[in-house]
Structures are given as structure tokens and as C-alpha cells.
ModelCIF file with pLDDT and N, C-alpha, C, O atoms, coordinates in Angstrom:
data_MODEL
#
_entry.id   MODEL 
#
_entity.id                         1 
_entity.type                       polymer 
_entity.pdbx_number_of_molecules   1 
#
_entity_poly.entity_id                      1 
_entity_poly.type                           'polypeptide(L)' 
_entity_poly.nstd_linkage                   no 
_entity_poly.nstd_monomer                   no 
_entity_poly.pdbx_seq_one_letter_code       
;(UNK)(UNK)(UNK)(UNK)(UNK)(UNK)(UNK)(UNK)(UNK)(UNK)(UNK)(UNK)(UNK)(UNK)(UNK)(UNK)
(UNK)(UNK)(UNK)(UNK)(UNK)(UNK)(UNK)(UNK)(UNK)(UNK)(UNK)(UNK)(UNK)(UNK)(UNK)(UNK)
(UNK)(UNK)(UNK)(UNK)(UNK)(UNK)(UNK)(UNK)(UNK)(UNK)(UNK)(UNK)(UNK)(UNK)(UNK)
;
_entity_poly.pdbx_seq_one_letter_code_can   XXXXXXXXXXXXXXXXXXXXXXXXXXXXXXXXXXXXXXXXXXXXXXX 
_entity_poly.pdbx_strand_id                 A 
#
loop_
_entity_poly_seq.entity_id 
_entity_poly_seq.num 
_entity_poly_seq.mon_id 
_entity_poly_seq.hetero 
1 1  UNK n 
1 2  UNK n 
1 3  UNK n 
1 4  UNK n 
1 5  UNK n 
1 6  UNK n 
1 7  UNK n 
1 8  UNK n 
1 9  UNK n 
1 10 UNK n 
1 11 UNK n 
1 12 UNK n 
1 13 UNK n 
1 14 UNK n 
1 15 UNK n 
1 16 UNK n 
1 17 UNK n 
1 18 UNK n 
1 19 UNK n 
1 20 UNK n 
1 21 UNK n 
1 22 UNK n 
1 23 UNK n 
1 24 UNK n 
1 25 UNK n 
1 26 UNK n 
1 27 UNK n 
1 28 UNK n 
1 29 UNK n 
1 30 UNK n 
1 31 UNK n 
1 32 UNK n 
1 33 UNK n 
1 34 UNK n 
1 35 UNK n 
1 36 UNK n 
1 37 UNK n 
1 38 UNK n 
1 39 UNK n 
1 40 UNK n 
1 41 UNK n 
1 42 UNK n 
1 43 UNK n 
1 44 UNK n 
1 45 UNK n 
1 46 UNK n 
1 47 UNK n 
#
_struct_asym.id          A 
_struct_asym.entity_id   1 
#
loop_
_ma_qa_metric.id 
_ma_qa_metric.mode 
_ma_qa_metric.name 
_ma_qa_metric.software_group_id 
_ma_qa_metric.type 
1 global pLDDT . pLDDT 
2 local  pLDDT . pLDDT 
#
_ma_qa_metric_global.metric_id      1 
_ma_qa_metric_global.metric_value   93.79 
_ma_qa_metric_global.model_id       1 
_ma_qa_metric_global.ordinal_id     1 
#
loop_
_ma_qa_metric_local.label_asym_id 
_ma_qa_metric_local.label_comp_id 
_ma_qa_metric_local.label_seq_id 
_ma_qa_metric_local.metric_id 
_ma_qa_metric_local.metric_value 
_ma_qa_metric_local.model_id 
_ma_qa_metric_local.ordinal_id 
A UNK 1  2 97.00 1 1  
A UNK 2  2 95.00 1 2  
A UNK 3  2 93.00 1 3  
A UNK 4  2 93.00 1 4  
A UNK 5  2 93.00 1 5  
A UNK 6  2 92.00 1 6  
A UNK 7  2 89.00 1 7  
A UNK 8  2 92.00 1 8  
A UNK 9  2 95.00 1 9  
A UNK 10 2 97.00 1 10 
A UNK 11 2 97.00 1 11 
A UNK 12 2 97.00 1 12 
A UNK 13 2 98.00 1 13 
A UNK 14 2 98.00 1 14 
A UNK 15 2 98.00 1 15 
A UNK 16 2 98.00 1 16 
A UNK 17 2 98.00 1 17 
A UNK 18 2 97.00 1 18 
A UNK 19 2 97.00 1 19 
A UNK 20 2 96.00 1 20 
A UNK 21 2 96.00 1 21 
A UNK 22 2 94.00 1 22 
A UNK 23 2 94.00 1 23 
A UNK 24 2 92.00 1 24 
A UNK 25 2 86.00 1 25 
A UNK 26 2 85.00 1 26 
A UNK 27 2 91.00 1 27 
A UNK 28 2 94.00 1 28 
A UNK 29 2 95.00 1 29 
A UNK 30 2 93.00 1 30 
A UNK 31 2 95.00 1 31 
A UNK 32 2 97.00 1 32 
A UNK 33 2 98.00 1 33 
A UNK 34 2 98.00 1 34 
A UNK 35 2 98.00 1 35 
A UNK 36 2 98.00 1 36 
A UNK 37 2 98.00 1 37 
A UNK 38 2 98.00 1 38 
A UNK 39 2 97.00 1 39 
A UNK 40 2 97.00 1 40 
A UNK 41 2 97.00 1 41 
A UNK 42 2 94.00 1 42 
A UNK 43 2 93.00 1 43 
A UNK 44 2 89.00 1 44 
A UNK 45 2 85.00 1 45 
A UNK 46 2 76.00 1 46 
A UNK 47 2 70.00 1 47 
#
loop_
_atom_site.group_PDB 
_atom_site.id 
_atom_site.type_symbol 
_atom_site.label_atom_id 
_atom_site.label_alt_id 
_atom_site.label_comp_id 
_atom_site.label_asym_id 
_atom_site.label_entity_id 
_atom_site.label_seq_id 
_atom_site.pdbx_PDB_ins_code 
_atom_site.Cartn_x 
_atom_site.Cartn_y 
_atom_site.Cartn_z 
_atom_site.occupancy 
_atom_site.B_iso_or_equiv 
_atom_site.pdbx_formal_charge 
_atom_site.auth_seq_id 
_atom_site.auth_comp_id 
_atom_site.auth_asym_id 
_atom_site.auth_atom_id 
_atom_site.pdbx_PDB_model_num 
ATOM 1   N N  . UNK A 1 1  ? 197.636 60.921 -65.311 1.00 97.00 ? 1  UNK A N  1 
ATOM 2   C CA . UNK A 1 1  ? 197.681 61.932 -64.270 1.00 97.00 ? 1  UNK A CA 1 
ATOM 3   C C  . UNK A 1 1  ? 196.428 62.854 -64.245 1.00 97.00 ? 1  UNK A C  1 
ATOM 4   O O  . UNK A 1 1  ? 195.753 63.008 -65.262 1.00 97.00 ? 1  UNK A O  1 
ATOM 5   N N  . UNK A 1 2  ? 196.143 63.432 -63.132 1.00 95.00 ? 2  UNK A N  1 
ATOM 6   C CA . UNK A 1 2  ? 195.114 64.425 -63.013 1.00 95.00 ? 2  UNK A CA 1 
ATOM 7   C C  . UNK A 1 2  ? 195.696 65.683 -62.413 1.00 95.00 ? 2  UNK A C  1 
ATOM 8   O O  . UNK A 1 2  ? 196.330 65.639 -61.358 1.00 95.00 ? 2  UNK A O  1 
ATOM 9   N N  . UNK A 1 3  ? 195.485 66.801 -63.075 1.00 93.00 ? 3  UNK A N  1 
ATOM 10  C CA . UNK A 1 3  ? 196.050 68.107 -62.679 1.00 93.00 ? 3  UNK A CA 1 
ATOM 11  C C  . UNK A 1 3  ? 194.916 68.913 -62.007 1.00 93.00 ? 3  UNK A C  1 
ATOM 12  O O  . UNK A 1 3  ? 193.774 68.923 -62.467 1.00 93.00 ? 3  UNK A O  1 
ATOM 13  N N  . UNK A 1 4  ? 195.284 69.586 -60.900 1.00 93.00 ? 4  UNK A N  1 
ATOM 14  C CA . UNK A 1 4  ? 194.346 70.486 -60.219 1.00 93.00 ? 4  UNK A CA 1 
ATOM 15  C C  . UNK A 1 4  ? 194.715 71.932 -60.499 1.00 93.00 ? 4  UNK A C  1 
ATOM 16  O O  . UNK A 1 4  ? 195.841 72.282 -60.852 1.00 93.00 ? 4  UNK A O  1 
ATOM 17  N N  . UNK A 1 5  ? 193.656 72.767 -60.310 1.00 93.00 ? 5  UNK A N  1 
ATOM 18  C CA . UNK A 1 5  ? 193.759 74.194 -60.715 1.00 93.00 ? 5  UNK A CA 1 
ATOM 19  C C  . UNK A 1 5  ? 194.913 74.884 -59.853 1.00 93.00 ? 5  UNK A C  1 
ATOM 20  O O  . UNK A 1 5  ? 195.516 75.855 -60.309 1.00 93.00 ? 5  UNK A O  1 
ATOM 21  N N  . UNK A 1 6  ? 195.188 74.378 -58.651 1.00 92.00 ? 6  UNK A N  1 
ATOM 22  C CA . UNK A 1 6  ? 196.206 75.100 -57.829 1.00 92.00 ? 6  UNK A CA 1 
ATOM 23  C C  . UNK A 1 6  ? 197.584 74.544 -58.127 1.00 92.00 ? 6  UNK A C  1 
ATOM 24  O O  . UNK A 1 6  ? 198.531 74.919 -57.436 1.00 92.00 ? 6  UNK A O  1 
ATOM 25  N N  . UNK A 1 7  ? 197.760 73.660 -59.126 1.00 89.00 ? 7  UNK A N  1 
ATOM 26  C CA . UNK A 1 7  ? 199.072 73.191 -59.492 1.00 89.00 ? 7  UNK A CA 1 
ATOM 27  C C  . UNK A 1 7  ? 199.384 71.840 -58.922 1.00 89.00 ? 7  UNK A C  1 
ATOM 28  O O  . UNK A 1 7  ? 200.416 71.279 -59.290 1.00 89.00 ? 7  UNK A O  1 
ATOM 29  N N  . UNK A 1 8  ? 198.580 71.265 -58.051 1.00 92.00 ? 8  UNK A N  1 
ATOM 30  C CA . UNK A 1 8  ? 198.795 69.915 -57.527 1.00 92.00 ? 8  UNK A CA 1 
ATOM 31  C C  . UNK A 1 8  ? 198.563 68.890 -58.647 1.00 92.00 ? 8  UNK A C  1 
ATOM 32  O O  . UNK A 1 8  ? 197.877 69.174 -59.629 1.00 92.00 ? 8  UNK A O  1 
ATOM 33  N N  . UNK A 1 9  ? 199.130 67.730 -58.487 1.00 95.00 ? 9  UNK A N  1 
ATOM 34  C CA . UNK A 1 9  ? 199.011 66.647 -59.404 1.00 95.00 ? 9  UNK A CA 1 
ATOM 35  C C  . UNK A 1 9  ? 198.827 65.325 -58.755 1.00 95.00 ? 9  UNK A C  1 
ATOM 36  O O  . UNK A 1 9  ? 199.517 65.064 -57.769 1.00 95.00 ? 9  UNK A O  1 
ATOM 37  N N  . UNK A 1 10 ? 197.954 64.452 -59.214 1.00 97.00 ? 10 UNK A N  1 
ATOM 38  C CA . UNK A 1 10 ? 197.858 63.114 -58.770 1.00 97.00 ? 10 UNK A CA 1 
ATOM 39  C C  . UNK A 1 10 ? 198.229 62.158 -59.839 1.00 97.00 ? 10 UNK A C  1 
ATOM 40  O O  . UNK A 1 10 ? 197.587 62.158 -60.889 1.00 97.00 ? 10 UNK A O  1 
ATOM 41  N N  . UNK A 1 11 ? 199.240 61.325 -59.647 1.00 97.00 ? 11 UNK A N  1 
ATOM 42  C CA . UNK A 1 11 ? 199.561 60.222 -60.588 1.00 97.00 ? 11 UNK A CA 1 
ATOM 43  C C  . UNK A 1 11 ? 198.639 59.082 -60.286 1.00 97.00 ? 11 UNK A C  1 
ATOM 44  O O  . UNK A 1 11 ? 198.778 58.466 -59.229 1.00 97.00 ? 11 UNK A O  1 
ATOM 45  N N  . UNK A 1 12 ? 197.710 58.763 -61.144 1.00 97.00 ? 12 UNK A N  1 
ATOM 46  C CA . UNK A 1 12 ? 196.695 57.831 -60.896 1.00 97.00 ? 12 UNK A CA 1 
ATOM 47  C C  . UNK A 1 12 ? 197.120 56.393 -61.221 1.00 97.00 ? 12 UNK A C  1 
ATOM 48  O O  . UNK A 1 12 ? 196.628 55.429 -60.634 1.00 97.00 ? 12 UNK A O  1 
ATOM 49  N N  . UNK A 1 13 ? 198.084 56.282 -62.212 1.00 98.00 ? 13 UNK A N  1 
ATOM 50  C CA . UNK A 1 13 ? 198.492 54.899 -62.549 1.00 98.00 ? 13 UNK A CA 1 
ATOM 51  C C  . UNK A 1 13 ? 199.864 55.059 -63.383 1.00 98.00 ? 13 UNK A C  1 
ATOM 52  O O  . UNK A 1 13 ? 199.957 55.843 -64.328 1.00 98.00 ? 13 UNK A O  1 
ATOM 53  N N  . UNK A 1 14 ? 200.838 54.299 -62.971 1.00 98.00 ? 14 UNK A N  1 
ATOM 54  C CA . UNK A 1 14 ? 202.101 54.299 -63.710 1.00 98.00 ? 14 UNK A CA 1 
ATOM 55  C C  . UNK A 1 14 ? 202.088 53.350 -64.851 1.00 98.00 ? 14 UNK A C  1 
ATOM 56  O O  . UNK A 1 14 ? 201.711 52.190 -64.685 1.00 98.00 ? 14 UNK A O  1 
ATOM 57  N N  . UNK A 1 15 ? 202.488 53.798 -66.011 1.00 98.00 ? 15 UNK A N  1 
ATOM 58  C CA . UNK A 1 15 ? 202.612 52.954 -67.187 1.00 98.00 ? 15 UNK A CA 1 
ATOM 59  C C  . UNK A 1 15 ? 204.050 52.564 -67.383 1.00 98.00 ? 15 UNK A C  1 
ATOM 60  O O  . UNK A 1 15 ? 204.951 53.399 -67.299 1.00 98.00 ? 15 UNK A O  1 
ATOM 61  N N  . UNK A 1 16 ? 204.273 51.234 -67.655 1.00 98.00 ? 16 UNK A N  1 
ATOM 62  C CA . UNK A 1 16 ? 205.575 50.640 -67.677 1.00 98.00 ? 16 UNK A CA 1 
ATOM 63  C C  . UNK A 1 16 ? 205.848 50.098 -69.070 1.00 98.00 ? 16 UNK A C  1 
ATOM 64  O O  . UNK A 1 16 ? 204.888 49.934 -69.822 1.00 98.00 ? 16 UNK A O  1 
ATOM 65  N N  . UNK A 1 17 ? 207.097 49.802 -69.480 1.00 98.00 ? 17 UNK A N  1 
ATOM 66  C CA . UNK A 1 17 ? 207.450 49.263 -70.840 1.00 98.00 ? 17 UNK A CA 1 
ATOM 67  C C  . UNK A 1 17 ? 206.546 48.140 -71.106 1.00 98.00 ? 17 UNK A C  1 
ATOM 68  O O  . UNK A 1 17 ? 206.376 47.255 -70.267 1.00 98.00 ? 17 UNK A O  1 
ATOM 69  N N  . UNK A 1 18 ? 205.916 48.148 -72.331 1.00 97.00 ? 18 UNK A N  1 
ATOM 70  C CA . UNK A 1 18 ? 205.067 47.031 -72.768 1.00 97.00 ? 18 UNK A CA 1 
ATOM 71  C C  . UNK A 1 18 ? 203.602 47.364 -72.622 1.00 97.00 ? 18 UNK A C  1 
ATOM 72  O O  . UNK A 1 18 ? 202.762 46.659 -73.182 1.00 97.00 ? 18 UNK A O  1 
ATOM 73  N N  . UNK A 1 19 ? 203.245 48.460 -71.858 1.00 97.00 ? 19 UNK A N  1 
ATOM 74  C CA . UNK A 1 19 ? 201.899 48.766 -71.641 1.00 97.00 ? 19 UNK A CA 1 
ATOM 75  C C  . UNK A 1 19 ? 201.289 49.507 -72.877 1.00 97.00 ? 19 UNK A C  1 
ATOM 76  O O  . UNK A 1 19 ? 201.935 50.407 -73.414 1.00 97.00 ? 19 UNK A O  1 
ATOM 77  N N  . UNK A 1 20 ? 200.121 49.160 -73.310 1.00 96.00 ? 20 UNK A N  1 
ATOM 78  C CA . UNK A 1 20 ? 199.428 50.009 -74.268 1.00 96.00 ? 20 UNK A CA 1 
ATOM 79  C C  . UNK A 1 20 ? 198.938 51.297 -73.658 1.00 96.00 ? 20 UNK A C  1 
ATOM 80  O O  . UNK A 1 20 ? 198.696 51.331 -72.452 1.00 96.00 ? 20 UNK A O  1 
ATOM 81  N N  . UNK A 1 21 ? 198.779 52.346 -74.410 1.00 96.00 ? 21 UNK A N  1 
ATOM 82  C CA . UNK A 1 21 ? 198.312 53.605 -73.888 1.00 96.00 ? 21 UNK A CA 1 
ATOM 83  C C  . UNK A 1 21 ? 196.729 53.659 -73.940 1.00 96.00 ? 21 UNK A C  1 
ATOM 84  O O  . UNK A 1 21 ? 196.111 53.987 -72.927 1.00 96.00 ? 21 UNK A O  1 
ATOM 85  N N  . UNK A 1 22 ? 196.102 53.352 -75.060 1.00 94.00 ? 22 UNK A N  1 
ATOM 86  C CA . UNK A 1 22 ? 194.627 53.431 -75.066 1.00 94.00 ? 22 UNK A CA 1 
ATOM 87  C C  . UNK A 1 22 ? 193.947 52.320 -74.450 1.00 94.00 ? 22 UNK A C  1 
ATOM 88  O O  . UNK A 1 22 ? 194.522 51.241 -74.308 1.00 94.00 ? 22 UNK A O  1 
ATOM 89  N N  . UNK A 1 23 ? 192.715 52.519 -74.060 1.00 94.00 ? 23 UNK A N  1 
ATOM 90  C CA . UNK A 1 23 ? 191.901 51.427 -73.493 1.00 94.00 ? 23 UNK A CA 1 
ATOM 91  C C  . UNK A 1 23 ? 190.874 50.937 -74.526 1.00 94.00 ? 23 UNK A C  1 
ATOM 92  O O  . UNK A 1 23 ? 190.452 49.782 -74.475 1.00 94.00 ? 23 UNK A O  1 
ATOM 93  N N  . UNK A 1 24 ? 190.468 51.813 -75.468 1.00 92.00 ? 24 UNK A N  1 
ATOM 94  C CA . UNK A 1 24 ? 189.570 51.421 -76.540 1.00 92.00 ? 24 UNK A CA 1 
ATOM 95  C C  . UNK A 1 24 ? 190.018 52.041 -77.792 1.00 92.00 ? 24 UNK A C  1 
ATOM 96  O O  . UNK A 1 24 ? 190.562 53.145 -77.788 1.00 92.00 ? 24 UNK A O  1 
ATOM 97  N N  . UNK A 1 25 ? 189.806 51.358 -78.884 1.00 86.00 ? 25 UNK A N  1 
ATOM 98  C CA . UNK A 1 25 ? 190.194 51.954 -80.192 1.00 86.00 ? 25 UNK A CA 1 
ATOM 99  C C  . UNK A 1 25 ? 189.352 53.154 -80.613 1.00 86.00 ? 25 UNK A C  1 
ATOM 100 O O  . UNK A 1 25 ? 189.888 54.197 -80.988 1.00 86.00 ? 25 UNK A O  1 
ATOM 101 N N  . UNK A 1 26 ? 188.065 53.002 -80.549 1.00 85.00 ? 26 UNK A N  1 
ATOM 102 C CA . UNK A 1 26 ? 187.167 54.072 -80.976 1.00 85.00 ? 26 UNK A CA 1 
ATOM 103 C C  . UNK A 1 26 ? 186.666 54.821 -79.715 1.00 85.00 ? 26 UNK A C  1 
ATOM 104 O O  . UNK A 1 26 ? 185.489 54.736 -79.365 1.00 85.00 ? 26 UNK A O  1 
ATOM 105 N N  . UNK A 1 27 ? 187.614 55.580 -79.018 1.00 91.00 ? 27 UNK A N  1 
ATOM 106 C CA . UNK A 1 27 ? 187.312 56.329 -77.854 1.00 91.00 ? 27 UNK A CA 1 
ATOM 107 C C  . UNK A 1 27 ? 188.234 57.477 -77.659 1.00 91.00 ? 27 UNK A C  1 
ATOM 108 O O  . UNK A 1 27 ? 188.971 57.848 -78.573 1.00 91.00 ? 27 UNK A O  1 
ATOM 109 N N  . UNK A 1 28 ? 188.216 58.041 -76.511 1.00 94.00 ? 28 UNK A N  1 
ATOM 110 C CA . UNK A 1 28 ? 189.167 59.100 -76.174 1.00 94.00 ? 28 UNK A CA 1 
ATOM 111 C C  . UNK A 1 28 ? 189.890 58.709 -74.919 1.00 94.00 ? 28 UNK A C  1 
ATOM 112 O O  . UNK A 1 28 ? 189.470 57.827 -74.170 1.00 94.00 ? 28 UNK A O  1 
ATOM 113 N N  . UNK A 1 29 ? 190.975 59.383 -74.716 1.00 95.00 ? 29 UNK A N  1 
ATOM 114 C CA . UNK A 1 29 ? 191.876 59.079 -73.547 1.00 95.00 ? 29 UNK A CA 1 
ATOM 115 C C  . UNK A 1 29 ? 191.129 59.596 -72.227 1.00 95.00 ? 29 UNK A C  1 
ATOM 116 O O  . UNK A 1 29 ? 190.722 60.755 -72.149 1.00 95.00 ? 29 UNK A O  1 
ATOM 117 N N  . UNK A 1 30 ? 190.989 58.742 -71.281 1.00 93.00 ? 30 UNK A N  1 
ATOM 118 C CA . UNK A 1 30 ? 190.194 59.114 -70.088 1.00 93.00 ? 30 UNK A CA 1 
ATOM 119 C C  . UNK A 1 30 ? 191.018 59.979 -69.088 1.00 93.00 ? 30 UNK A C  1 
ATOM 120 O O  . UNK A 1 30 ? 190.471 60.504 -68.118 1.00 93.00 ? 30 UNK A O  1 
ATOM 121 N N  . UNK A 1 31 ? 192.311 60.108 -69.341 1.00 95.00 ? 31 UNK A N  1 
ATOM 122 C CA . UNK A 1 31 ? 193.174 60.894 -68.460 1.00 95.00 ? 31 UNK A CA 1 
ATOM 123 C C  . UNK A 1 31 ? 194.313 61.433 -69.310 1.00 95.00 ? 31 UNK A C  1 
ATOM 124 O O  . UNK A 1 31 ? 194.566 60.898 -70.389 1.00 95.00 ? 31 UNK A O  1 
ATOM 125 N N  . UNK A 1 32 ? 195.003 62.465 -68.866 1.00 97.00 ? 32 UNK A N  1 
ATOM 126 C CA . UNK A 1 32 ? 196.196 62.910 -69.547 1.00 97.00 ? 32 UNK A CA 1 
ATOM 127 C C  . UNK A 1 32 ? 197.328 61.979 -69.244 1.00 97.00 ? 32 UNK A C  1 
ATOM 128 O O  . UNK A 1 32 ? 197.461 61.486 -68.124 1.00 97.00 ? 32 UNK A O  1 
ATOM 129 N N  . UNK A 1 33 ? 198.186 61.726 -70.290 1.00 98.00 ? 33 UNK A N  1 
ATOM 130 C CA . UNK A 1 33 ? 199.290 60.771 -70.141 1.00 98.00 ? 33 UNK A CA 1 
ATOM 131 C C  . UNK A 1 33 ? 200.585 61.685 -70.246 1.00 98.00 ? 33 UNK A C  1 
ATOM 132 O O  . UNK A 1 33 ? 200.755 62.482 -71.169 1.00 98.00 ? 33 UNK A O  1 
ATOM 133 N N  . UNK A 1 34 ? 201.441 61.495 -69.248 1.00 98.00 ? 34 UNK A N  1 
ATOM 134 C CA . UNK A 1 34 ? 202.629 62.319 -69.225 1.00 98.00 ? 34 UNK A CA 1 
ATOM 135 C C  . UNK A 1 34 ? 203.837 61.406 -69.147 1.00 98.00 ? 34 UNK A C  1 
ATOM 136 O O  . UNK A 1 34 ? 203.793 60.408 -68.428 1.00 98.00 ? 34 UNK A O  1 
ATOM 137 N N  . UNK A 1 35 ? 204.916 61.707 -69.859 1.00 98.00 ? 35 UNK A N  1 
ATOM 138 C CA . UNK A 1 35 ? 206.163 60.901 -69.773 1.00 98.00 ? 35 UNK A CA 1 
ATOM 139 C C  . UNK A 1 35 ? 206.868 61.266 -68.434 1.00 98.00 ? 35 UNK A C  1 
ATOM 140 O O  . UNK A 1 35 ? 207.172 62.429 -68.170 1.00 98.00 ? 35 UNK A O  1 
ATOM 141 N N  . UNK A 1 36 ? 207.104 60.266 -67.640 1.00 98.00 ? 36 UNK A N  1 
ATOM 142 C CA . UNK A 1 36 ? 207.858 60.519 -66.385 1.00 98.00 ? 36 UNK A CA 1 
ATOM 143 C C  . UNK A 1 36 ? 209.355 60.494 -66.627 1.00 98.00 ? 36 UNK A C  1 
ATOM 144 O O  . UNK A 1 36 ? 210.120 61.127 -65.900 1.00 98.00 ? 36 UNK A O  1 
ATOM 145 N N  . UNK A 1 37 ? 209.779 59.750 -67.664 1.00 98.00 ? 37 UNK A N  1 
ATOM 146 C CA . UNK A 1 37 ? 211.090 59.666 -68.152 1.00 98.00 ? 37 UNK A CA 1 
ATOM 147 C C  . UNK A 1 37 ? 211.032 59.867 -69.665 1.00 98.00 ? 37 UNK A C  1 
ATOM 148 O O  . UNK A 1 37 ? 209.949 59.922 -70.248 1.00 98.00 ? 37 UNK A O  1 
ATOM 149 N N  . UNK A 1 38 ? 212.249 59.982 -70.325 1.00 98.00 ? 38 UNK A N  1 
ATOM 150 C CA . UNK A 1 38 ? 212.181 59.871 -71.766 1.00 98.00 ? 38 UNK A CA 1 
ATOM 151 C C  . UNK A 1 38 ? 211.572 58.541 -72.170 1.00 98.00 ? 38 UNK A C  1 
ATOM 152 O O  . UNK A 1 38 ? 211.939 57.498 -71.628 1.00 98.00 ? 38 UNK A O  1 
ATOM 153 N N  . UNK A 1 39 ? 210.612 58.569 -73.153 1.00 97.00 ? 39 UNK A N  1 
ATOM 154 C CA . UNK A 1 39 ? 209.947 57.328 -73.481 1.00 97.00 ? 39 UNK A CA 1 
ATOM 155 C C  . UNK A 1 39 ? 210.033 57.081 -75.059 1.00 97.00 ? 39 UNK A C  1 
ATOM 156 O O  . UNK A 1 39 ? 210.206 57.996 -75.864 1.00 97.00 ? 39 UNK A O  1 
ATOM 157 N N  . UNK A 1 40 ? 209.903 55.826 -75.380 1.00 97.00 ? 40 UNK A N  1 
ATOM 158 C CA . UNK A 1 40 ? 209.794 55.479 -76.776 1.00 97.00 ? 40 UNK A CA 1 
ATOM 159 C C  . UNK A 1 40 ? 208.480 54.747 -76.972 1.00 97.00 ? 40 UNK A C  1 
ATOM 160 O O  . UNK A 1 40 ? 208.133 53.835 -76.221 1.00 97.00 ? 40 UNK A O  1 
ATOM 161 N N  . UNK A 1 41 ? 207.767 55.166 -77.986 1.00 97.00 ? 41 UNK A N  1 
ATOM 162 C CA . UNK A 1 41 ? 206.457 54.600 -78.263 1.00 97.00 ? 41 UNK A CA 1 
ATOM 163 C C  . UNK A 1 41 ? 206.449 53.977 -79.644 1.00 97.00 ? 41 UNK A C  1 
ATOM 164 O O  . UNK A 1 41 ? 207.126 54.481 -80.540 1.00 97.00 ? 41 UNK A O  1 
ATOM 165 N N  . UNK A 1 42 ? 205.719 52.920 -79.845 1.00 94.00 ? 42 UNK A N  1 
ATOM 166 C CA . UNK A 1 42 ? 205.477 52.381 -81.138 1.00 94.00 ? 42 UNK A CA 1 
ATOM 167 C C  . UNK A 1 42 ? 203.975 52.206 -81.417 1.00 94.00 ? 42 UNK A C  1 
ATOM 168 O O  . UNK A 1 42 ? 203.233 51.887 -80.488 1.00 94.00 ? 42 UNK A O  1 
ATOM 169 N N  . UNK A 1 43 ? 203.497 52.400 -82.650 1.00 93.00 ? 43 UNK A N  1 
ATOM 170 C CA . UNK A 1 43 ? 202.116 52.214 -82.997 1.00 93.00 ? 43 UNK A CA 1 
ATOM 171 C C  . UNK A 1 43 ? 201.967 50.761 -83.571 1.00 93.00 ? 43 UNK A C  1 
ATOM 172 O O  . UNK A 1 43 ? 202.493 50.418 -84.630 1.00 93.00 ? 43 UNK A O  1 
ATOM 173 N N  . UNK A 1 44 ? 201.238 49.972 -82.817 1.00 89.00 ? 44 UNK A N  1 
ATOM 174 C CA . UNK A 1 44 ? 201.090 48.567 -83.217 1.00 89.00 ? 44 UNK A CA 1 
ATOM 175 C C  . UNK A 1 44 ? 200.040 48.410 -84.335 1.00 89.00 ? 44 UNK A C  1 
ATOM 176 O O  . UNK A 1 44 ? 200.035 47.383 -85.013 1.00 89.00 ? 44 UNK A O  1 
ATOM 177 N N  . UNK A 1 45 ? 199.183 49.364 -84.537 1.00 85.00 ? 45 UNK A N  1 
ATOM 178 C CA . UNK A 1 45 ? 198.184 49.242 -85.640 1.00 85.00 ? 45 UNK A CA 1 
ATOM 179 C C  . UNK A 1 45 ? 198.839 49.349 -86.944 1.00 85.00 ? 45 UNK A C  1 
ATOM 180 O O  . UNK A 1 45 ? 199.859 50.023 -87.088 1.00 85.00 ? 45 UNK A O  1 
ATOM 181 N N  . UNK A 1 46 ? 198.277 48.698 -87.907 1.00 76.00 ? 46 UNK A N  1 
ATOM 182 C CA . UNK A 1 46 ? 198.842 48.799 -89.257 1.00 76.00 ? 46 UNK A CA 1 
ATOM 183 C C  . UNK A 1 46 ? 198.313 47.676 -90.137 1.00 76.00 ? 46 UNK A C  1 
ATOM 184 O O  . UNK A 1 46 ? 197.591 46.797 -89.666 1.00 76.00 ? 46 UNK A O  1 
ATOM 185 N N  . UNK A 1 47 ? 198.667 47.707 -91.390 1.00 70.00 ? 47 UNK A N  1 
ATOM 186 C CA . UNK A 1 47 ? 198.197 46.726 -92.401 1.00 70.00 ? 47 UNK A CA 1 
ATOM 187 C C  . UNK A 1 47 ? 198.632 45.292 -92.077 1.00 70.00 ? 47 UNK A C  1 
ATOM 188 O O  . UNK A 1 47 ? 198.315 44.367 -92.826 1.00 70.00 ? 47 UNK A O  1 
#
């Protein structure tokens, strides 16, 4: 999502079950990510 100073919001892309959140490992998030419903996340990274 992208928030505007006057309170408006644009949902730029909807994330669905199975979608990863990041686009690159060594990077930063290019947009704010908001839960539209209650969500469950898992971290796939690990040993």
C-alpha cells in the first residue's frame, strides 16, 4: 500500500496465501505491507 498525507490510500498489489513478502534478501521493502485480514506468516529461511 501507499499512504497519502491527506489520509487516502492506494492498494498497489494484493498478496494472497503462498506469496512471499520480500523481493530481495539483501534489500528493503519497497512499499508498506498491511494485513487486509488476519494473516499467518512463516519464515522460510533457516538452517
